[in-house]
Structures are given as C-alpha cells and as structure tokens.
Amino acid sequence: MQRSCNNIVILSIVLNSLVAGNQQRVFVLYKKGRCAMNTMVSQADERTISVHNEHEFLLKMEKAGLTDELAQKVIDSKGNDLATKVVGLIQRGGYEATTSQKRAHEIMGKNFFGVEEAIKHFGVNSTKQQLAILSEIPFSEAVLQECKDTHVFVAIFPISILEIRGKVQDKGLFYSQDWHNQEKFAKEHGEVSWQLVRKTPVSNSTSKTWNEQQSLLAKDEETPTAQVMVYTIIGHFMATNERLFEQVYVHCSDISSDGLRVDVGSFGWSGLDVSHYWDGTRHGLIGLSSVRKV
C-alpha cells in the first residue's frame, strides 16, 4: 500500500535536504487529504537518499517511536535545528559527548581532538567499553587551562601508525617511505586514553642525547609512543589544518628493530616523516616529545 503524504514523509524530505547540504525551507500545504510542496531549491540541488532507503529509514524511525506529532516538531523546528541534530547524531554513530568532555572542549578550543573528531577524521567505530573509558576527563580544569595553548588534548583510539597511514593515503600526509612497514612499533595499536600532547619539543631539548633530553622532563611529564604522536599530529592537522613539528623532529619512547630511537616530524608539504636515530646523537633538528602524566 502506498504511504500517505503526512508529516513523517515531509520529515524525510527535510532530513534528505540536510544530508544533501541544502538549507532550503520546505513549505507544506494540505488540501483535501493531499499535500503540495513548494521547495525553494537551485537547479544544482540533488537529493541524496534513494526511494528505497528513504522508505526503510521511515520504517526504522517509526519502529523507534517516531510519531506524526514528533515529526511535526522537527518540521517546525527553527532553523532546522532538530533535524540538524538528528543528522549529526547519526553521523557520530549515536555518540553524544559527556558533560566533562564538553567542558574540556570548551577550555581547549581548537586544541581538542575528541571522540567526535576521531569518528569524523579516522572513521573510528568505538565500542561501549572504549567510550566508557573516555567518558571522564582524567585532568583537572586547572591543568587544562594551563595547557590550553601549549598542548593538544587527544582522545587516543587503538589505531596503529600503519592503519593511520592507510586511512589518509590519498591526502599526502605521510612522507613516502616503507622502512617501518614491518616494524613492531608501527603495528602497535596503543591503548584507549586521553593524552595531553605538547605541541612543540620540550624546551632546549634539541642538540642533546636521549639521556640528556630525559633529564629535561618535569615530574609530571613523560615521553609518549610514536603511535600517540603520529595520531595526534595527523588528527590535529585534519581537524584544524595546523601542522605540528613542521621543521623539527621529536624523539618518541619506541626503539626500532635495529636498536635506534624512533622520532617523527618534518611535517611539511612532503608529509610526516617517521625516522630513527642513535640515542647518543646530538642533532640540532631532533628534540623530545612529551605528554602530561595522568
């Protein structure tokens, strides 16, 4: 049986318009059980949902409790606000930031790469357990305020360096190299956690050996893995277009199979470089990476 033209059908058109990126208003006129629609659209506007998917979508929404009355609320929402929120929730895989996460984002501003950003830029398919771990912020507001201009606050998901490279391979964000394809550190996924990652090398850490660099760390700092650094550098760039460590490298905690210290950096037009050097090297372009301890 053909579905009658009602508020739920109009809702699907409103949502379809949002998915297509259109912000046109939809005017609905009801006449003798029929409805006529006049939409202000440009000739370039195209619908993006197939008739089949639209039908299935409506069935799912109705099964979940959508009624004609609720559909009307979405249709009447000022500035398409409710429909925009529905589409946004779907795009985030149903994820909704916690109160503490929202506050952390408010404090850190552009230096925040949270769960939503990970979903958007890395295609993360988070589990309930992972979201539970990230639901609370492990740092006080005072620490976040202190670090808001010098660090990036990052929700780390278990994605290896090789997997990150694969996700962005068409964007030219990695220097062309394959030496680490079989390296253990490049395959390690890391652990789900919040990390406060310093955006610059530890002060005065270039031209020093590894041991000399370690002595510069404050009591509340430690050296992160290459996975954390690559995740942060690439994620932050995708979210803000800001390049970190563009003209310098930073040592990480990992050791390559040949016994050399892994470092990352030189994130210029040719992409992020993953390299390795002897711990005893005093190189003018290699500093030390750091994160705040929890």
Protein backbone atom coordinates (compact mmCIF):
# COMPACT_ATOMS: atom_id res chain seq x y z
CA MET A 1 0.00 0.00 0.00
CA GLN A 2 1.32 3.46 -0.92
CA ARG A 3 2.18 5.59 2.12
CA SER A 4 0.00 8.67 2.50
CA CYS A 5 1.72 12.07 2.38
CA ASN A 6 1.97 13.01 6.05
CA ASN A 7 4.32 14.69 8.48
CA ILE A 8 6.67 11.71 8.60
CA VAL A 9 7.11 11.80 4.83
CA ILE A 10 7.81 15.54 4.98
CA LEU A 11 10.34 14.86 7.76
CA SER A 12 12.23 12.51 5.46
CA ILE A 13 12.43 15.30 2.88
CA VAL A 14 13.76 17.72 5.49
CA LEU A 15 16.42 15.23 6.59
CA ASN A 16 17.28 14.44 2.97
CA SER A 17 17.82 18.14 2.35
CA LEU A 18 20.24 18.30 5.26
CA VAL A 19 22.20 15.27 4.09
CA ALA A 20 22.48 16.91 0.66
CA GLY A 21 23.80 20.07 2.30
CA ASN A 22 20.75 22.12 1.30
CA GLN A 23 19.31 24.67 3.70
CA GLN A 24 16.08 25.42 1.77
CA ARG A 25 12.80 25.80 3.56
CA VAL A 26 10.02 23.32 2.83
CA PHE A 27 6.52 24.75 2.62
CA VAL A 28 3.66 22.32 3.08
CA LEU A 29 0.11 22.99 2.06
CA TYR A 30 -2.59 20.48 2.92
CA LYS A 31 -5.60 20.27 0.59
CA LYS A 32 -8.37 17.66 0.83
CA GLY A 33 -6.13 14.89 2.15
CA ARG A 34 -3.40 15.69 -0.35
CA CYS A 35 -0.26 17.73 0.21
CA ALA A 36 1.53 20.08 -2.16
CA MET A 37 5.11 21.13 -1.58
CA ASN A 38 6.89 24.17 -2.87
CA THR A 39 10.63 23.97 -2.27
CA MET A 40 12.99 26.81 -2.92
CA VAL A 41 15.96 24.99 -4.41
CA SER A 42 18.55 25.74 -7.03
CA GLN A 43 18.80 23.61 -10.15
CA ALA A 44 22.09 22.22 -8.83
CA ASP A 45 20.46 20.75 -5.73
CA GLU A 46 20.02 16.99 -5.84
CA ARG A 47 18.50 14.53 -3.41
CA THR A 48 20.94 12.02 -1.97
CA ILE A 49 18.69 9.32 -0.45
CA SER A 50 17.20 6.67 -2.70
CA VAL A 51 13.46 5.98 -2.55
CA HIS A 52 14.18 2.53 -1.08
CA ASN A 53 16.45 3.86 1.70
CA GLU A 54 14.00 6.65 2.46
CA HIS A 55 11.23 4.10 2.93
CA GLU A 56 13.43 1.87 5.12
CA PHE A 57 14.57 4.88 7.13
CA LEU A 58 10.99 5.89 7.87
CA LEU A 59 10.10 2.35 8.95
CA LYS A 60 13.08 2.29 11.34
CA MET A 61 12.18 5.70 12.75
CA GLU A 62 8.55 4.75 13.29
CA LYS A 63 9.59 1.49 14.94
CA ALA A 64 11.79 3.51 17.29
CA GLY A 65 8.81 5.62 18.32
CA LEU A 66 8.58 8.44 15.78
CA THR A 67 5.01 9.71 15.56
CA ASP A 68 3.27 12.25 13.37
CA GLU A 69 3.37 14.68 16.30
CA LEU A 70 7.12 14.26 16.79
CA ALA A 71 7.72 14.61 13.06
CA GLN A 72 5.81 17.90 13.11
CA LYS A 73 8.11 19.19 15.86
CA VAL A 74 11.12 18.52 13.66
CA ILE A 75 9.45 20.18 10.68
CA ASP A 76 8.56 23.25 12.74
CA SER A 77 11.98 23.47 14.40
CA LYS A 78 13.50 26.92 14.00
CA GLY A 79 16.41 26.95 11.58
CA ASN A 80 16.02 23.20 11.04
CA ASP A 81 17.71 22.79 14.43
CA LEU A 82 16.19 19.43 15.43
CA ALA A 83 16.76 17.85 12.02
CA THR A 84 20.38 19.06 12.06
CA LYS A 85 20.88 17.45 15.47
CA VAL A 86 19.36 14.16 14.27
CA VAL A 87 21.66 14.04 11.23
CA GLY A 88 24.66 15.00 13.39
CA LEU A 89 23.87 12.21 15.86
CA ILE A 90 23.68 9.70 13.00
CA GLN A 91 26.99 10.94 11.59
CA ARG A 92 28.60 10.44 15.01
CA GLY A 93 27.31 6.89 15.22
CA GLY A 94 24.95 7.84 18.06
CA TYR A 95 27.76 9.27 20.17
CA GLU A 96 26.97 12.21 22.46
CA ALA A 97 29.73 13.99 24.37
CA THR A 98 29.61 13.85 28.18
CA THR A 99 29.43 16.99 30.31
CA SER A 100 33.12 16.76 31.25
CA GLN A 101 34.12 16.23 27.62
CA LYS A 102 32.15 19.30 26.54
CA ARG A 103 33.82 21.34 29.26
CA ALA A 104 37.27 20.13 28.20
CA HIS A 105 36.48 21.08 24.60
CA GLU A 106 35.33 24.50 25.75
CA ILE A 107 38.63 25.06 27.58
CA MET A 108 40.98 23.65 24.93
CA GLY A 109 39.25 25.18 21.91
CA LYS A 110 40.89 24.15 18.64
CA ASN A 111 43.48 22.14 20.60
CA PHE A 112 40.89 19.45 21.29
CA PHE A 113 40.65 16.20 19.33
CA GLY A 114 37.94 14.18 21.00
CA VAL A 115 35.76 11.19 20.23
CA GLU A 116 33.66 13.05 17.68
CA GLU A 117 36.79 14.19 15.82
CA ALA A 118 38.19 10.65 15.84
CA ILE A 119 34.95 9.34 14.35
CA LYS A 120 34.92 12.05 11.69
CA HIS A 121 38.57 12.03 10.63
CA PHE A 122 39.74 8.48 11.36
CA GLY A 123 36.46 6.64 10.88
CA VAL A 124 36.65 5.21 14.39
CA ASN A 125 33.95 2.67 15.24
CA SER A 126 34.06 3.00 19.00
CA THR A 127 32.86 0.34 21.43
CA LYS A 128 30.84 0.94 24.60
CA GLN A 129 33.87 -0.04 26.66
CA GLN A 130 36.08 2.50 24.88
CA LEU A 131 33.51 5.26 25.31
CA ALA A 132 33.20 4.37 28.99
CA ILE A 133 36.96 4.78 29.43
CA LEU A 134 36.85 8.17 27.71
CA SER A 135 33.64 9.37 29.38
CA GLU A 136 35.51 11.14 32.18
CA ILE A 137 38.42 13.54 31.81
CA PRO A 138 41.50 12.48 33.85
CA PHE A 139 42.86 16.02 34.20
CA SER A 140 41.54 18.87 36.31
CA GLU A 141 40.20 22.04 34.73
CA ALA A 142 43.21 23.85 36.20
CA VAL A 143 45.61 21.59 34.27
CA LEU A 144 43.62 22.02 31.06
CA GLN A 145 43.65 25.79 31.49
CA GLU A 146 47.41 25.66 31.99
CA CYS A 147 47.89 23.59 28.83
CA LYS A 148 45.24 25.04 26.53
CA ASP A 149 47.71 26.91 24.31
CA THR A 150 50.71 24.57 24.53
CA HIS A 151 49.16 21.11 24.22
CA VAL A 152 46.59 19.18 22.20
CA PHE A 153 44.08 17.22 24.27
CA VAL A 154 43.54 13.98 22.38
CA ALA A 155 41.21 11.00 22.70
CA ILE A 156 43.51 8.19 21.60
CA PHE A 157 41.93 5.13 19.97
CA PRO A 158 43.79 1.87 19.19
CA ILE A 159 44.85 2.65 15.61
CA SER A 160 48.37 1.77 14.53
CA ILE A 161 50.67 4.07 12.58
CA LEU A 162 50.29 1.84 9.52
CA GLU A 163 46.50 1.95 9.83
CA ILE A 164 46.51 5.74 10.17
CA ARG A 165 48.69 5.98 7.08
CA GLY A 166 46.27 3.74 5.21
CA LYS A 167 43.28 5.86 6.19
CA VAL A 168 44.83 9.07 4.79
CA GLN A 169 46.96 7.64 1.99
CA ASP A 170 45.17 9.74 -0.65
CA LYS A 171 45.83 13.01 1.23
CA GLY A 172 49.62 13.12 1.01
CA LEU A 173 50.06 13.43 4.77
CA PHE A 174 52.89 10.90 5.09
CA TYR A 175 56.37 11.05 3.60
CA SER A 176 56.82 8.27 1.05
CA GLN A 177 58.75 5.52 2.86
CA ASP A 178 58.41 1.86 3.74
CA TRP A 179 61.28 1.10 6.11
CA HIS A 180 58.96 0.73 9.07
CA ASN A 181 56.28 -1.41 7.40
CA GLN A 182 57.42 -4.49 9.31
CA GLU A 183 58.43 -2.67 12.48
CA LYS A 184 56.70 -3.64 15.71
CA PHE A 185 56.19 -0.03 16.83
CA ALA A 186 54.37 0.82 13.58
CA LYS A 187 51.94 -2.06 14.09
CA GLU A 188 51.16 -1.40 17.74
CA HIS A 189 47.65 -0.07 18.34
CA GLY A 190 48.20 1.58 21.69
CA GLU A 191 45.56 1.93 24.37
CA VAL A 192 42.38 3.96 24.63
CA SER A 193 43.19 7.03 26.69
CA TRP A 194 43.16 10.80 26.96
CA GLN A 195 46.54 12.40 26.28
CA LEU A 196 47.76 15.97 26.72
CA VAL A 197 50.40 16.17 23.98
CA ARG A 198 52.87 19.05 23.87
CA LYS A 199 52.67 20.88 20.52
CA THR A 200 56.39 21.71 20.46
CA PRO A 201 59.58 19.93 21.54
CA VAL A 202 60.50 20.10 25.22
CA SER A 203 62.29 23.40 25.76
CA ASN A 204 66.03 23.28 24.94
CA SER A 205 65.85 19.59 24.03
CA THR A 206 67.47 19.75 20.58
CA SER A 207 71.20 19.04 20.13
CA LYS A 208 71.12 16.69 23.13
CA THR A 209 71.43 12.93 23.58
CA TRP A 210 68.43 10.87 24.63
CA ASN A 211 69.59 10.71 28.24
CA GLU A 212 70.23 14.44 28.32
CA GLN A 213 66.75 15.06 26.91
CA GLN A 214 65.13 12.85 29.53
CA SER A 215 66.66 14.93 32.31
CA LEU A 216 64.71 17.95 30.99
CA LEU A 217 61.30 16.39 31.62
CA ALA A 218 59.28 17.79 34.52
CA LYS A 219 57.97 15.40 37.17
CA ASP A 220 54.52 15.50 35.58
CA GLU A 221 55.80 14.74 32.05
CA GLU A 222 56.82 11.62 30.14
CA THR A 223 57.78 10.67 26.59
CA PRO A 224 54.92 9.18 24.52
CA THR A 225 54.98 6.43 21.90
CA ALA A 226 55.27 7.14 18.20
CA GLN A 227 51.67 5.94 17.80
CA VAL A 228 50.42 8.69 20.11
CA MET A 229 52.49 11.32 18.32
CA VAL A 230 51.50 10.27 14.79
CA TYR A 231 47.82 10.01 15.81
CA THR A 232 47.97 13.50 17.33
CA ILE A 233 49.90 15.20 14.53
CA ILE A 234 47.76 13.78 11.72
CA GLY A 235 44.46 14.11 13.59
CA HIS A 236 45.13 17.68 14.66
CA PHE A 237 46.04 18.67 11.11
CA MET A 238 42.89 17.10 9.66
CA ALA A 239 40.74 18.90 12.23
CA THR A 240 42.44 22.33 12.18
CA ASN A 241 44.82 22.44 9.18
CA GLU A 242 47.65 23.30 11.60
CA ARG A 243 50.93 21.47 11.07
CA LEU A 244 52.83 20.49 14.20
CA PHE A 245 56.60 19.80 14.15
CA GLU A 246 56.85 21.20 10.64
CA GLN A 247 60.59 21.96 10.79
CA VAL A 248 61.78 19.72 13.61
CA TYR A 249 61.72 16.08 14.74
CA VAL A 250 60.96 14.76 18.22
CA HIS A 251 62.14 11.56 19.86
CA CYS A 252 59.49 9.07 21.00
CA SER A 253 59.74 6.22 23.50
CA ASP A 254 59.94 3.45 20.87
CA ILE A 255 63.03 1.58 19.71
CA SER A 256 63.24 0.20 16.15
CA SER A 257 64.36 -3.35 15.39
CA ASP A 258 67.92 -2.15 14.76
CA GLY A 259 68.13 -0.57 18.21
CA LEU A 260 67.63 3.06 17.17
CA ARG A 261 65.31 5.62 18.77
CA VAL A 262 62.17 6.38 16.74
CA ASP A 263 61.41 10.03 16.00
CA VAL A 264 58.72 11.81 13.99
CA GLY A 265 58.49 15.24 12.44
CA SER A 266 59.38 17.43 9.44
CA PHE A 267 55.64 17.60 8.73
CA GLY A 268 55.85 19.85 5.68
CA TRP A 269 54.42 19.64 2.18
CA SER A 270 56.03 16.22 1.59
CA GLY A 271 54.23 14.71 4.60
CA LEU A 272 55.06 13.47 8.08
CA ASP A 273 58.41 11.67 8.32
CA VAL A 274 58.94 8.69 10.63
CA SER A 275 62.65 8.17 11.23
CA HIS A 276 65.12 6.71 13.77
CA TYR A 277 68.45 7.77 15.21
CA TRP A 278 71.06 6.57 17.68
CA ASP A 279 70.38 7.67 21.28
CA GLY A 280 73.81 9.23 21.51
CA THR A 281 73.19 11.61 18.61
CA ARG A 282 73.16 15.35 19.33
CA HIS A 283 71.14 16.56 16.36
CA GLY A 284 70.10 20.19 16.03
CA LEU A 285 66.75 19.22 14.50
CA ILE A 286 65.75 16.46 16.93
CA GLY A 287 64.08 17.43 20.18
CA LEU A 288 61.96 15.48 22.66
CA SER A 289 58.21 14.85 22.62
CA SER A 290 56.23 14.90 25.86
CA VAL A 291 52.78 14.34 27.34
CA ARG A 292 51.39 15.16 30.75
CA LYS A 293 51.20 12.28 33.18
CA VAL A 294 47.73 11.35 34.41
